[in-house]
Amino acid sequence: MAKMSALTGIMVALITPFTDDQSAIDESRLQAHIERLIQAGVHGLVPGGSTGEFTVMTTAERKQLTELCVKFAAGRVPVVVGTGSLHTAEAVELSVHAAQAGATAVMVVPPYYDPVNLEQLQEMLAEIHQASKLPIMFYNIPAASGLTLSPTEIAGLSKFGVKYLKDTSGNAPALTELIFALSDQIIAFNGWDTLTFYGLTAGCPGGVWGAANIIPELAVELWDAVAVKGDLKRGRELWAKAYPICKFLETHNYCAGVKTGVELTGQSTGGLRKPFALLKPELRAELKQLLQNAGVKVV
């Protein structure tokens, strides 16, 4: 795999397509989806995270997903693999495997059932980094992990192998401090959909964005307008199209919304593993209208 420079741009929080009975990862669907995203111009893939339904996958499946994503990306974009777990041993195992498979970095969410404290988190991250030798993207999602850290505490994780941050806290002032005051310690990516425009205009080097599975062209166009060209007028026009979709996704089951959106664009996903499911007809119709309003071709 080609060496990658620092991560930047639209990093897609990737869905995991399944077979129609949800019994396995559907390799052909995954390959087709990754190809579509790369052709649309996205800058990286982040498989195995929340949008990828990692909590309903076996360890073997998570490893398979890593291998497939690296294979299908074929060195064209970086692959940042979600390797978080409820216990350190599995997180280390998955991270070492990701390194062996050719991943660029790993994304680690804290244990999300029984919250760890800061010292325990630091020890976990240090073990992952020492074993895998890969840079870590810390997945800050207090609503799921039960762990709320200050910006200074998050930046301090750089001493334990953390280079990047996916901030899914929804806390814009804290994100601002990480971008402006602590950027010498950690590189902060926005991971809260409805804050995407703010994050880019505030100076985030990119975003880890689940909605980009559905609207990759619009996502890349927004990035180019705001982050590359500094054209805020055009950026606002594009965000006016994307924001209602982002708001909808955050209002409902996120994975269900994203996969339903992908289905509406004509790609089969295999649905979600139980107990979860694609959106009901009335919500599906609402999302379809939002996509049409944004100029997205739907079926």
C-alpha atoms as a PDB file:
ATOM      1  CA  MET A   1       0.000   0.000   0.000  1.00  0.00           C
ATOM      2  CA  ALA A   2       1.198   3.470  -0.862  1.00  0.00           C
ATOM      3  CA  LYS A   3       2.371   5.623   2.001  1.00  0.00           C
ATOM      4  CA  MET A   4      -0.143   8.271   3.018  1.00  0.00           C
ATOM      5  CA  SER A   5       0.512  11.777   4.297  1.00  0.00           C
ATOM      6  CA  ALA A   6      -1.519  13.279   7.121  1.00  0.00           C
ATOM      7  CA  LEU A   7      -5.216  12.555   6.892  1.00  0.00           C
ATOM      8  CA  THR A   8      -7.371  15.277   5.388  1.00  0.00           C
ATOM      9  CA  GLY A   9     -10.681  15.884   3.659  1.00  0.00           C
ATOM     10  CA  ILE A  10     -13.898  13.893   3.529  1.00  0.00           C
ATOM     11  CA  MET A  11     -13.355  10.644   5.413  1.00  0.00           C
ATOM     12  CA  VAL A  12     -16.407   8.424   4.948  1.00  0.00           C
ATOM     13  CA  ALA A  13     -17.719   6.655   8.056  1.00  0.00           C
ATOM     14  CA  LEU A  14     -18.374   3.575   5.967  1.00  0.00           C
ATOM     15  CA  ILE A  15     -21.452   1.367   6.035  1.00  0.00           C
ATOM     16  CA  THR A  16     -21.006  -2.406   6.036  1.00  0.00           C
ATOM     17  CA  PRO A  17     -23.129  -3.988   3.281  1.00  0.00           C
ATOM     18  CA  PHE A  18     -24.486  -7.432   4.183  1.00  0.00           C
ATOM     19  CA  THR A  19     -26.026 -10.241   2.211  1.00  0.00           C
ATOM     20  CA  ASP A  20     -29.827 -10.133   1.989  1.00  0.00           C
ATOM     21  CA  ASP A  21     -30.217 -12.371   5.038  1.00  0.00           C
ATOM     22  CA  GLN A  22     -27.577 -10.340   6.954  1.00  0.00           C
ATOM     23  CA  SER A  23     -25.594 -13.528   7.592  1.00  0.00           C
ATOM     24  CA  ALA A  24     -22.333 -12.223   6.111  1.00  0.00           C
ATOM     25  CA  ILE A  25     -20.538  -9.233   4.640  1.00  0.00           C
ATOM     26  CA  ASP A  26     -21.433  -8.874   0.970  1.00  0.00           C
ATOM     27  CA  GLU A  27     -18.083  -8.418  -0.749  1.00  0.00           C
ATOM     28  CA  SER A  28     -19.440  -7.338  -4.126  1.00  0.00           C
ATOM     29  CA  ARG A  29     -21.704  -4.720  -2.591  1.00  0.00           C
ATOM     30  CA  LEU A  30     -18.858  -3.397  -0.458  1.00  0.00           C
ATOM     31  CA  GLN A  31     -16.540  -3.179  -3.454  1.00  0.00           C
ATOM     32  CA  ALA A  32     -19.154  -1.381  -5.557  1.00  0.00           C
ATOM     33  CA  HIS A  33     -19.847   1.090  -2.755  1.00  0.00           C
ATOM     34  CA  ILE A  34     -16.182   1.851  -2.149  1.00  0.00           C
ATOM     35  CA  GLU A  35     -15.629   2.320  -5.872  1.00  0.00           C
ATOM     36  CA  ARG A  36     -18.521   4.768  -6.062  1.00  0.00           C
ATOM     37  CA  LEU A  37     -17.147   6.776  -3.148  1.00  0.00           C
ATOM     38  CA  ILE A  38     -13.632   6.939  -4.528  1.00  0.00           C
ATOM     39  CA  GLN A  39     -14.881   7.921  -7.972  1.00  0.00           C
ATOM     40  CA  ALA A  40     -16.863  10.706  -6.291  1.00  0.00           C
ATOM     41  CA  GLY A  41     -13.591  12.034  -4.900  1.00  0.00           C
ATOM     42  CA  VAL A  42     -13.726  11.215  -1.193  1.00  0.00           C
ATOM     43  CA  HIS A  43     -10.403  11.409   0.607  1.00  0.00           C
ATOM     44  CA  GLY A  44     -10.516   8.386   2.907  1.00  0.00           C
ATOM     45  CA  LEU A  45     -12.505   5.464   4.303  1.00  0.00           C
ATOM     46  CA  VAL A  46     -13.290   4.742   7.941  1.00  0.00           C
ATOM     47  CA  PRO A  47     -14.765   1.228   8.167  1.00  0.00           C
ATOM     48  CA  GLY A  48     -15.727  -0.594  11.327  1.00  0.00           C
ATOM     49  CA  GLY A  49     -17.146   2.357  13.218  1.00  0.00           C
ATOM     50  CA  SER A  50     -20.638   3.095  14.479  1.00  0.00           C
ATOM     51  CA  THR A  51     -22.035   3.620  10.985  1.00  0.00           C
ATOM     52  CA  GLY A  52     -20.416   0.319  10.031  1.00  0.00           C
ATOM     53  CA  GLU A  53     -22.363  -1.550  12.752  1.00  0.00           C
ATOM     54  CA  PHE A  54     -19.245  -2.959  14.389  1.00  0.00           C
ATOM     55  CA  THR A  55     -21.177  -3.830  17.544  1.00  0.00           C
ATOM     56  CA  VAL A  56     -23.148  -6.552  15.717  1.00  0.00           C
ATOM     57  CA  MET A  57     -20.117  -8.108  14.032  1.00  0.00           C
ATOM     58  CA  THR A  58     -17.827 -10.902  15.176  1.00  0.00           C
ATOM     59  CA  THR A  59     -14.093 -10.378  15.569  1.00  0.00           C
ATOM     60  CA  ALA A  60     -13.499 -12.491  12.458  1.00  0.00           C
ATOM     61  CA  GLU A  61     -15.935 -10.355  10.463  1.00  0.00           C
ATOM     62  CA  ARG A  62     -14.272  -7.158  11.622  1.00  0.00           C
ATOM     63  CA  LYS A  63     -10.934  -8.497  10.416  1.00  0.00           C
ATOM     64  CA  GLN A  64     -12.499  -9.540   7.119  1.00  0.00           C
ATOM     65  CA  LEU A  65     -13.960  -6.065   6.687  1.00  0.00           C
ATOM     66  CA  THR A  66     -10.545  -4.504   7.267  1.00  0.00           C
ATOM     67  CA  GLU A  67      -8.887  -6.725   4.696  1.00  0.00           C
ATOM     68  CA  LEU A  68     -11.585  -6.090   2.112  1.00  0.00           C
ATOM     69  CA  CYS A  69     -11.544  -2.319   2.549  1.00  0.00           C
ATOM     70  CA  VAL A  70      -7.769  -2.120   2.217  1.00  0.00           C
ATOM     71  CA  LYS A  71      -7.946  -4.388  -0.832  1.00  0.00           C
ATOM     72  CA  PHE A  72     -10.709  -2.431  -2.538  1.00  0.00           C
ATOM     73  CA  ALA A  73      -9.192   0.974  -1.718  1.00  0.00           C
ATOM     74  CA  ALA A  74      -6.033  -0.303  -3.422  1.00  0.00           C
ATOM     75  CA  GLY A  75      -3.841   2.462  -2.040  1.00  0.00           C
ATOM     76  CA  ARG A  76      -5.921   5.227  -3.617  1.00  0.00           C
ATOM     77  CA  VAL A  77      -7.178   6.609  -0.312  1.00  0.00           C
ATOM     78  CA  PRO A  78      -6.202   5.963   3.323  1.00  0.00           C
ATOM     79  CA  VAL A  79      -8.171   3.435   5.356  1.00  0.00           C
ATOM     80  CA  VAL A  80      -8.677   4.176   9.052  1.00  0.00           C
ATOM     81  CA  VAL A  81     -10.027   1.063  10.739  1.00  0.00           C
ATOM     82  CA  GLY A  82     -12.335   1.095  13.733  1.00  0.00           C
ATOM     83  CA  THR A  83     -10.791  -1.253  16.316  1.00  0.00           C
ATOM     84  CA  GLY A  84     -12.508  -0.205  19.528  1.00  0.00           C
ATOM     85  CA  SER A  85     -13.698  -2.905  21.891  1.00  0.00           C
ATOM     86  CA  LEU A  86     -15.088  -3.474  25.351  1.00  0.00           C
ATOM     87  CA  HIS A  87     -11.754  -4.955  26.386  1.00  0.00           C
ATOM     88  CA  THR A  88      -8.149  -4.133  25.649  1.00  0.00           C
ATOM     89  CA  ALA A  89      -7.053  -7.545  24.366  1.00  0.00           C
ATOM     90  CA  GLU A  90      -9.511  -7.524  21.463  1.00  0.00           C
ATOM     91  CA  ALA A  91      -8.754  -3.898  20.603  1.00  0.00           C
ATOM     92  CA  VAL A  92      -5.055  -4.734  20.481  1.00  0.00           C
ATOM     93  CA  GLU A  93      -5.726  -7.849  18.379  1.00  0.00           C
ATOM     94  CA  LEU A  94      -7.818  -5.898  15.875  1.00  0.00           C
ATOM     95  CA  SER A  95      -5.307  -3.058  15.717  1.00  0.00           C
ATOM     96  CA  VAL A  96      -2.343  -5.350  15.094  1.00  0.00           C
ATOM     97  CA  HIS A  97      -4.365  -7.062  12.385  1.00  0.00           C
ATOM     98  CA  ALA A  98      -5.208  -3.675  10.833  1.00  0.00           C
ATOM     99  CA  ALA A  99      -1.517  -2.823  10.693  1.00  0.00           C
ATOM    100  CA  GLN A 100      -0.706  -6.147   9.061  1.00  0.00           C
ATOM    101  CA  ALA A 101      -3.521  -5.663   6.543  1.00  0.00           C
ATOM    102  CA  GLY A 102      -2.165  -2.284   5.457  1.00  0.00           C
ATOM    103  CA  ALA A 103      -4.403   0.212   7.265  1.00  0.00           C
ATOM    104  CA  THR A 104      -3.199   3.791   7.584  1.00  0.00           C
ATOM    105  CA  ALA A 105      -4.421   4.278  11.147  1.00  0.00           C
ATOM    106  CA  VAL A 106      -6.884   2.869  13.653  1.00  0.00           C
ATOM    107  CA  MET A 107      -9.890   4.566  15.210  1.00  0.00           C
ATOM    108  CA  VAL A 108     -10.517   3.667  18.832  1.00  0.00           C
ATOM    109  CA  VAL A 109     -13.733   4.317  20.712  1.00  0.00           C
ATOM    110  CA  PRO A 110     -13.553   3.910  24.511  1.00  0.00           C
ATOM    111  CA  PRO A 111     -15.329   0.923  26.063  1.00  0.00           C
ATOM    112  CA  TYR A 112     -18.986   1.897  25.790  1.00  0.00           C
ATOM    113  CA  TYR A 113     -20.888  -0.158  28.362  1.00  0.00           C
ATOM    114  CA  ASP A 114     -19.014   0.406  31.589  1.00  0.00           C
ATOM    115  CA  PRO A 115     -17.122   3.722  31.263  1.00  0.00           C
ATOM    116  CA  VAL A 116     -13.383   3.735  31.837  1.00  0.00           C
ATOM    117  CA  ASN A 117     -11.603   6.558  33.621  1.00  0.00           C
ATOM    118  CA  LEU A 118      -8.910   8.679  31.998  1.00  0.00           C
ATOM    119  CA  GLU A 119      -6.002   6.647  33.353  1.00  0.00           C
ATOM    120  CA  GLN A 120      -7.520   3.381  32.135  1.00  0.00           C
ATOM    121  CA  LEU A 121      -8.151   4.912  28.708  1.00  0.00           C
ATOM    122  CA  GLN A 122      -4.560   6.108  28.491  1.00  0.00           C
ATOM    123  CA  GLU A 123      -3.265   2.630  29.330  1.00  0.00           C
ATOM    124  CA  MET A 124      -5.518   1.052  26.719  1.00  0.00           C
ATOM    125  CA  LEU A 125      -4.444   3.468  23.990  1.00  0.00           C
ATOM    126  CA  ALA A 126      -0.774   3.032  24.859  1.00  0.00           C
ATOM    127  CA  GLU A 127      -1.058  -0.756  24.545  1.00  0.00           C
ATOM    128  CA  ILE A 128      -2.812  -0.450  21.195  1.00  0.00           C
ATOM    129  CA  HIS A 129      -0.214   1.930  19.827  1.00  0.00           C
ATOM    130  CA  GLN A 130       2.769  -0.026  21.126  1.00  0.00           C
ATOM    131  CA  ALA A 131       1.465  -3.260  19.620  1.00  0.00           C
ATOM    132  CA  SER A 132       0.252  -1.941  16.266  1.00  0.00           C
ATOM    133  CA  LYS A 133       2.681   0.959  15.701  1.00  0.00           C
ATOM    134  CA  LEU A 134      -0.171   2.752  13.928  1.00  0.00           C
ATOM    135  CA  PRO A 135      -1.343   6.294  14.688  1.00  0.00           C
ATOM    136  CA  ILE A 136      -4.633   6.349  16.590  1.00  0.00           C
ATOM    137  CA  MET A 137      -7.727   8.403  15.877  1.00  0.00           C
ATOM    138  CA  PHE A 138      -9.538   8.820  19.185  1.00  0.00           C
ATOM    139  CA  TYR A 139     -13.289   8.507  18.711  1.00  0.00           C
ATOM    140  CA  ASN A 140     -14.788  10.981  21.161  1.00  0.00           C
ATOM    141  CA  ILE A 141     -18.467  10.089  21.548  1.00  0.00           C
ATOM    142  CA  PRO A 142     -19.500  10.749  25.167  1.00  0.00           C
ATOM    143  CA  ALA A 143     -23.148   9.860  24.523  1.00  0.00           C
ATOM    144  CA  ALA A 144     -22.116   6.269  23.811  1.00  0.00           C
ATOM    145  CA  SER A 145     -18.990   5.851  25.932  1.00  0.00           C
ATOM    146  CA  GLY A 146     -20.156   7.692  29.039  1.00  0.00           C
ATOM    147  CA  LEU A 147     -16.728   9.334  29.171  1.00  0.00           C
ATOM    148  CA  THR A 148     -16.539  13.119  28.904  1.00  0.00           C
ATOM    149  CA  LEU A 149     -13.059  14.587  28.603  1.00  0.00           C
ATOM    150  CA  SER A 150     -11.985  18.214  28.496  1.00  0.00           C
ATOM    151  CA  PRO A 151     -10.198  19.493  25.375  1.00  0.00           C
ATOM    152  CA  THR A 152      -6.925  19.512  27.319  1.00  0.00           C
ATOM    153  CA  GLU A 153      -7.421  15.890  28.388  1.00  0.00           C
ATOM    154  CA  ILE A 154      -8.208  14.870  24.818  1.00  0.00           C
ATOM    155  CA  ALA A 155      -5.128  16.648  23.465  1.00  0.00           C
ATOM    156  CA  GLY A 156      -3.060  14.952  26.166  1.00  0.00           C
ATOM    157  CA  LEU A 157      -3.868  11.580  24.620  1.00  0.00           C
ATOM    158  CA  SER A 158      -1.175  12.420  22.064  1.00  0.00           C
ATOM    159  CA  LYS A 159       1.308  11.079  24.638  1.00  0.00           C
ATOM    160  CA  PHE A 160      -0.283   7.653  24.228  1.00  0.00           C
ATOM    161  CA  GLY A 161      -0.251   7.257  20.445  1.00  0.00           C
ATOM    162  CA  VAL A 162      -3.208   9.434  19.487  1.00  0.00           C
ATOM    163  CA  LYS A 163      -2.584  11.658  16.474  1.00  0.00           C
ATOM    164  CA  TYR A 164      -6.134  12.350  15.323  1.00  0.00           C
ATOM    165  CA  LEU A 165      -9.528  12.997  16.863  1.00  0.00           C
ATOM    166  CA  LYS A 166     -12.993  12.193  15.562  1.00  0.00           C
ATOM    167  CA  ASP A 167     -15.116  14.530  17.641  1.00  0.00           C
ATOM    168  CA  THR A 168     -18.686  13.273  17.909  1.00  0.00           C
ATOM    169  CA  SER A 169     -19.461  15.207  21.062  1.00  0.00           C
ATOM    170  CA  GLY A 170     -21.543  17.901  19.381  1.00  0.00           C
ATOM    171  CA  ASN A 171     -19.688  20.401  21.567  1.00  0.00           C
ATOM    172  CA  ALA A 172     -18.680  23.169  19.158  1.00  0.00           C
ATOM    173  CA  PRO A 173     -16.820  25.331  21.735  1.00  0.00           C
ATOM    174  CA  ALA A 174     -14.695  22.345  22.788  1.00  0.00           C
ATOM    175  CA  LEU A 175     -13.981  21.521  19.137  1.00  0.00           C
ATOM    176  CA  THR A 176     -12.976  25.143  18.607  1.00  0.00           C
ATOM    177  CA  GLU A 177     -10.439  24.940  21.439  1.00  0.00           C
ATOM    178  CA  LEU A 178      -8.999  21.747  19.981  1.00  0.00           C
ATOM    179  CA  ILE A 179      -8.667  23.360  16.553  1.00  0.00           C
ATOM    180  CA  PHE A 180      -7.165  26.673  17.637  1.00  0.00           C
ATOM    181  CA  ALA A 181      -5.419  26.144  20.963  1.00  0.00           C
ATOM    182  CA  LEU A 182      -4.395  22.492  20.943  1.00  0.00           C
ATOM    183  CA  SER A 183      -3.690  21.712  17.282  1.00  0.00           C
ATOM    184  CA  ASP A 184       0.000  21.249  18.045  1.00  0.00           C
ATOM    185  CA  GLN A 185      -0.947  18.136  20.039  1.00  0.00           C
ATOM    186  CA  ILE A 186      -3.840  16.576  18.141  1.00  0.00           C
ATOM    187  CA  ILE A 187      -5.479  16.914  14.703  1.00  0.00           C
ATOM    188  CA  ALA A 188      -9.213  17.341  15.223  1.00  0.00           C
ATOM    189  CA  PHE A 189     -11.758  16.077  12.700  1.00  0.00           C
ATOM    190  CA  ASN A 190     -15.436  16.838  13.108  1.00  0.00           C
ATOM    191  CA  GLY A 191     -17.613  13.754  13.463  1.00  0.00           C
ATOM    192  CA  TRP A 192     -20.989  15.342  14.245  1.00  0.00           C
ATOM    193  CA  ASP A 193     -22.970  15.634  11.012  1.00  0.00           C
ATOM    194  CA  THR A 194     -24.836  18.865  11.692  1.00  0.00           C
ATOM    195  CA  LEU A 195     -21.564  20.590  12.668  1.00  0.00           C
ATOM    196  CA  THR A 196     -19.804  19.693   9.420  1.00  0.00           C
ATOM    197  CA  PHE A 197     -20.008  23.172   7.899  1.00  0.00           C
ATOM    198  CA  TYR A 198     -18.940  24.802  11.135  1.00  0.00           C
ATOM    199  CA  GLY A 199     -16.042  22.385  11.525  1.00  0.00           C
ATOM    200  CA  LEU A 200     -14.702  23.053   8.045  1.00  0.00           C
ATOM    201  CA  THR A 201     -15.038  26.828   8.317  1.00  0.00           C
ATOM    202  CA  ALA A 202     -13.433  26.757  11.768  1.00  0.00           C
ATOM    203  CA  GLY A 203     -10.389  25.009  10.356  1.00  0.00           C
ATOM    204  CA  CYS A 204     -10.856  21.257  10.788  1.00  0.00           C
ATOM    205  CA  PRO A 205      -8.617  19.421   8.307  1.00  0.00           C
ATOM    206  CA  GLY A 206     -11.620  17.286   7.398  1.00  0.00           C
ATOM    207  CA  GLY A 207     -14.572  15.373   8.707  1.00  0.00           C
ATOM    208  CA  VAL A 208     -15.464  11.745   9.408  1.00  0.00           C
ATOM    209  CA  TRP A 209     -18.905  11.824   7.868  1.00  0.00           C
ATOM    210  CA  GLY A 210     -21.522   9.085   7.638  1.00  0.00           C
ATOM    211  CA  ALA A 211     -23.829  11.071   5.341  1.00  0.00           C
ATOM    212  CA  ALA A 212     -21.059  10.976   2.727  1.00  0.00           C
ATOM    213  CA  ASN A 213     -22.129   7.381   2.041  1.00  0.00           C
ATOM    214  CA  ILE A 214     -25.291   8.882   0.513  1.00  0.00           C
ATOM    215  CA  ILE A 215     -24.102  12.244  -0.817  1.00  0.00           C
ATOM    216  CA  PRO A 216     -20.395  11.776  -1.619  1.00  0.00           C
ATOM    217  CA  GLU A 217     -20.388  14.229  -4.526  1.00  0.00           C
ATOM    218  CA  LEU A 218     -22.082  16.932  -2.474  1.00  0.00           C
ATOM    219  CA  ALA A 219     -19.741  16.260   0.453  1.00  0.00           C
ATOM    220  CA  VAL A 220     -16.648  16.617  -1.729  1.00  0.00           C
ATOM    221  CA  GLU A 221     -18.044  19.725  -3.399  1.00  0.00           C
ATOM    222  CA  LEU A 222     -18.610  21.269   0.036  1.00  0.00           C
ATOM    223  CA  TRP A 223     -15.038  20.440   1.029  1.00  0.00           C
ATOM    224  CA  ASP A 224     -13.650  21.968  -2.151  1.00  0.00           C
ATOM    225  CA  ALA A 225     -15.707  25.138  -1.780  1.00  0.00           C
ATOM    226  CA  VAL A 226     -14.990  25.785   1.893  1.00  0.00           C
ATOM    227  CA  ALA A 227     -11.641  24.196   2.722  1.00  0.00           C
ATOM    228  CA  VAL A 228      -9.849  24.448  -0.622  1.00  0.00           C
ATOM    229  CA  LYS A 229     -11.229  27.598  -2.263  1.00  0.00           C
ATOM    230  CA  GLY A 230     -12.443  29.489   0.801  1.00  0.00           C
ATOM    231  CA  ASP A 231     -15.688  30.268  -1.004  1.00  0.00           C
ATOM    232  CA  LEU A 232     -18.111  30.673   1.907  1.00  0.00           C
ATOM    233  CA  LYS A 233     -20.964  31.870  -0.307  1.00  0.00           C
ATOM    234  CA  ARG A 234     -20.852  28.684  -2.354  1.00  0.00           C
ATOM    235  CA  GLY A 235     -20.275  26.681   0.802  1.00  0.00           C
ATOM    236  CA  ARG A 236     -23.457  28.023   2.360  1.00  0.00           C
ATOM    237  CA  GLU A 237     -25.419  27.132  -0.767  1.00  0.00           C
ATOM    238  CA  LEU A 238     -24.154  23.568  -0.645  1.00  0.00           C
ATOM    239  CA  TRP A 239     -24.679  23.273   3.102  1.00  0.00           C
ATOM    240  CA  ALA A 240     -28.282  24.392   2.663  1.00  0.00           C
ATOM    241  CA  LYS A 241     -28.744  21.198   0.637  1.00  0.00           C
ATOM    242  CA  ALA A 242     -26.809  18.886   2.947  1.00  0.00           C
ATOM    243  CA  TYR A 243     -27.952  20.161   6.341  1.00  0.00           C
ATOM    244  CA  PRO A 244     -31.571  18.899   6.209  1.00  0.00           C
ATOM    245  CA  ILE A 245     -30.258  15.422   5.381  1.00  0.00           C
ATOM    246  CA  CYS A 246     -27.785  15.549   8.265  1.00  0.00           C
ATOM    247  CA  LYS A 247     -30.451  16.766  10.660  1.00  0.00           C
ATOM    248  CA  PHE A 248     -32.766  13.944   9.586  1.00  0.00           C
ATOM    249  CA  LEU A 249     -30.069  11.316  10.127  1.00  0.00           C
ATOM    250  CA  GLU A 250     -29.302  12.593  13.612  1.00  0.00           C
ATOM    251  CA  THR A 251     -32.998  12.637  14.495  1.00  0.00           C
ATOM    252  CA  HIS A 252     -33.544   8.931  13.764  1.00  0.00           C
ATOM    253  CA  ASN A 253     -31.519   5.724  14.091  1.00  0.00           C
ATOM    254  CA  TYR A 254     -28.360   6.858  12.369  1.00  0.00           C
ATOM    255  CA  CYS A 255     -27.258   3.580  10.780  1.00  0.00           C
ATOM    256  CA  ALA A 256     -30.784   2.890   9.580  1.00  0.00           C
ATOM    257  CA  GLY A 257     -30.999   6.348   8.048  1.00  0.00           C
ATOM    258  CA  VAL A 258     -27.673   6.090   6.254  1.00  0.00           C
ATOM    259  CA  LYS A 259     -28.323   2.624   4.857  1.00  0.00           C
ATOM    260  CA  THR A 260     -31.824   3.622   3.776  1.00  0.00           C
ATOM    261  CA  GLY A 261     -30.328   6.643   2.034  1.00  0.00           C
ATOM    262  CA  VAL A 262     -27.827   4.464   0.193  1.00  0.00           C
ATOM    263  CA  GLU A 263     -30.674   2.171  -0.881  1.00  0.00           C
ATOM    264  CA  LEU A 264     -32.581   5.191  -2.166  1.00  0.00           C
ATOM    265  CA  THR A 265     -29.649   6.022  -4.446  1.00  0.00           C
ATOM    266  CA  GLY A 266     -29.971   2.598  -6.032  1.00  0.00           C
ATOM    267  CA  GLN A 267     -27.407   0.539  -4.113  1.00  0.00           C
ATOM    268  CA  SER A 268     -28.453  -2.537  -2.160  1.00  0.00           C
ATOM    269  CA  THR A 269     -27.047  -2.727   1.375  1.00  0.00           C
ATOM    270  CA  GLY A 270     -28.590  -5.927   2.727  1.00  0.00           C
ATOM    271  CA  GLY A 271     -30.240  -3.919   5.480  1.00  0.00           C
ATOM    272  CA  LEU A 272     -29.234  -3.912   9.134  1.00  0.00           C
ATOM    273  CA  ARG A 273     -28.712  -6.802  11.488  1.00  0.00           C
ATOM    274  CA  LYS A 274     -31.471  -7.371  14.022  1.00  0.00           C
ATOM    275  CA  PRO A 275     -32.752  -5.937  16.227  1.00  0.00           C
ATOM    276  CA  PHE A 276     -32.255  -2.944  13.891  1.00  0.00           C
ATOM    277  CA  ALA A 277     -33.889  -2.409  10.501  1.00  0.00           C
ATOM    278  CA  LEU A 278     -34.126   0.020   7.607  1.00  0.00           C
ATOM    279  CA  LEU A 279     -36.464   2.979   8.018  1.00  0.00           C
ATOM    280  CA  LYS A 280     -40.226   2.499   7.791  1.00  0.00           C
ATOM    281  CA  PRO A 281     -42.003   3.672   4.591  1.00  0.00           C
ATOM    282  CA  GLU A 282     -43.092   7.058   5.940  1.00  0.00           C
ATOM    283  CA  LEU A 283     -39.576   7.969   7.086  1.00  0.00           C
ATOM    284  CA  ARG A 284     -38.104   6.518   3.910  1.00  0.00           C
ATOM    285  CA  ALA A 285     -40.391   8.823   1.907  1.00  0.00           C
ATOM    286  CA  GLU A 286     -39.299  11.813   4.002  1.00  0.00           C
ATOM    287  CA  LEU A 287     -35.627  11.054   3.421  1.00  0.00           C
ATOM    288  CA  LYS A 288     -36.269  10.530  -0.289  1.00  0.00           C
ATOM    289  CA  GLN A 289     -37.784  13.998  -0.529  1.00  0.00           C
ATOM    290  CA  LEU A 290     -34.821  15.560   1.276  1.00  0.00           C
ATOM    291  CA  LEU A 291     -32.424  13.864  -1.131  1.00  0.00           C
ATOM    292  CA  GLN A 292     -34.436  15.041  -4.121  1.00  0.00           C
ATOM    293  CA  ASN A 293     -34.417  18.568  -2.707  1.00  0.00           C
ATOM    294  CA  ALA A 294     -30.626  18.344  -2.573  1.00  0.00           C
ATOM    295  CA  GLY A 295     -30.444  17.268  -6.207  1.00  0.00           C
ATOM    296  CA  VAL A 296     -29.534  13.651  -5.456  1.00  0.00           C
ATOM    297  CA  LYS A 297     -30.783  11.070  -7.946  1.00  0.00           C
ATOM    298  CA  VAL A 298     -33.013   8.546  -6.176  1.00  0.00           C
ATOM    299  CA  VAL A 299     -34.937   5.452  -7.214  1.00  0.00           C
END
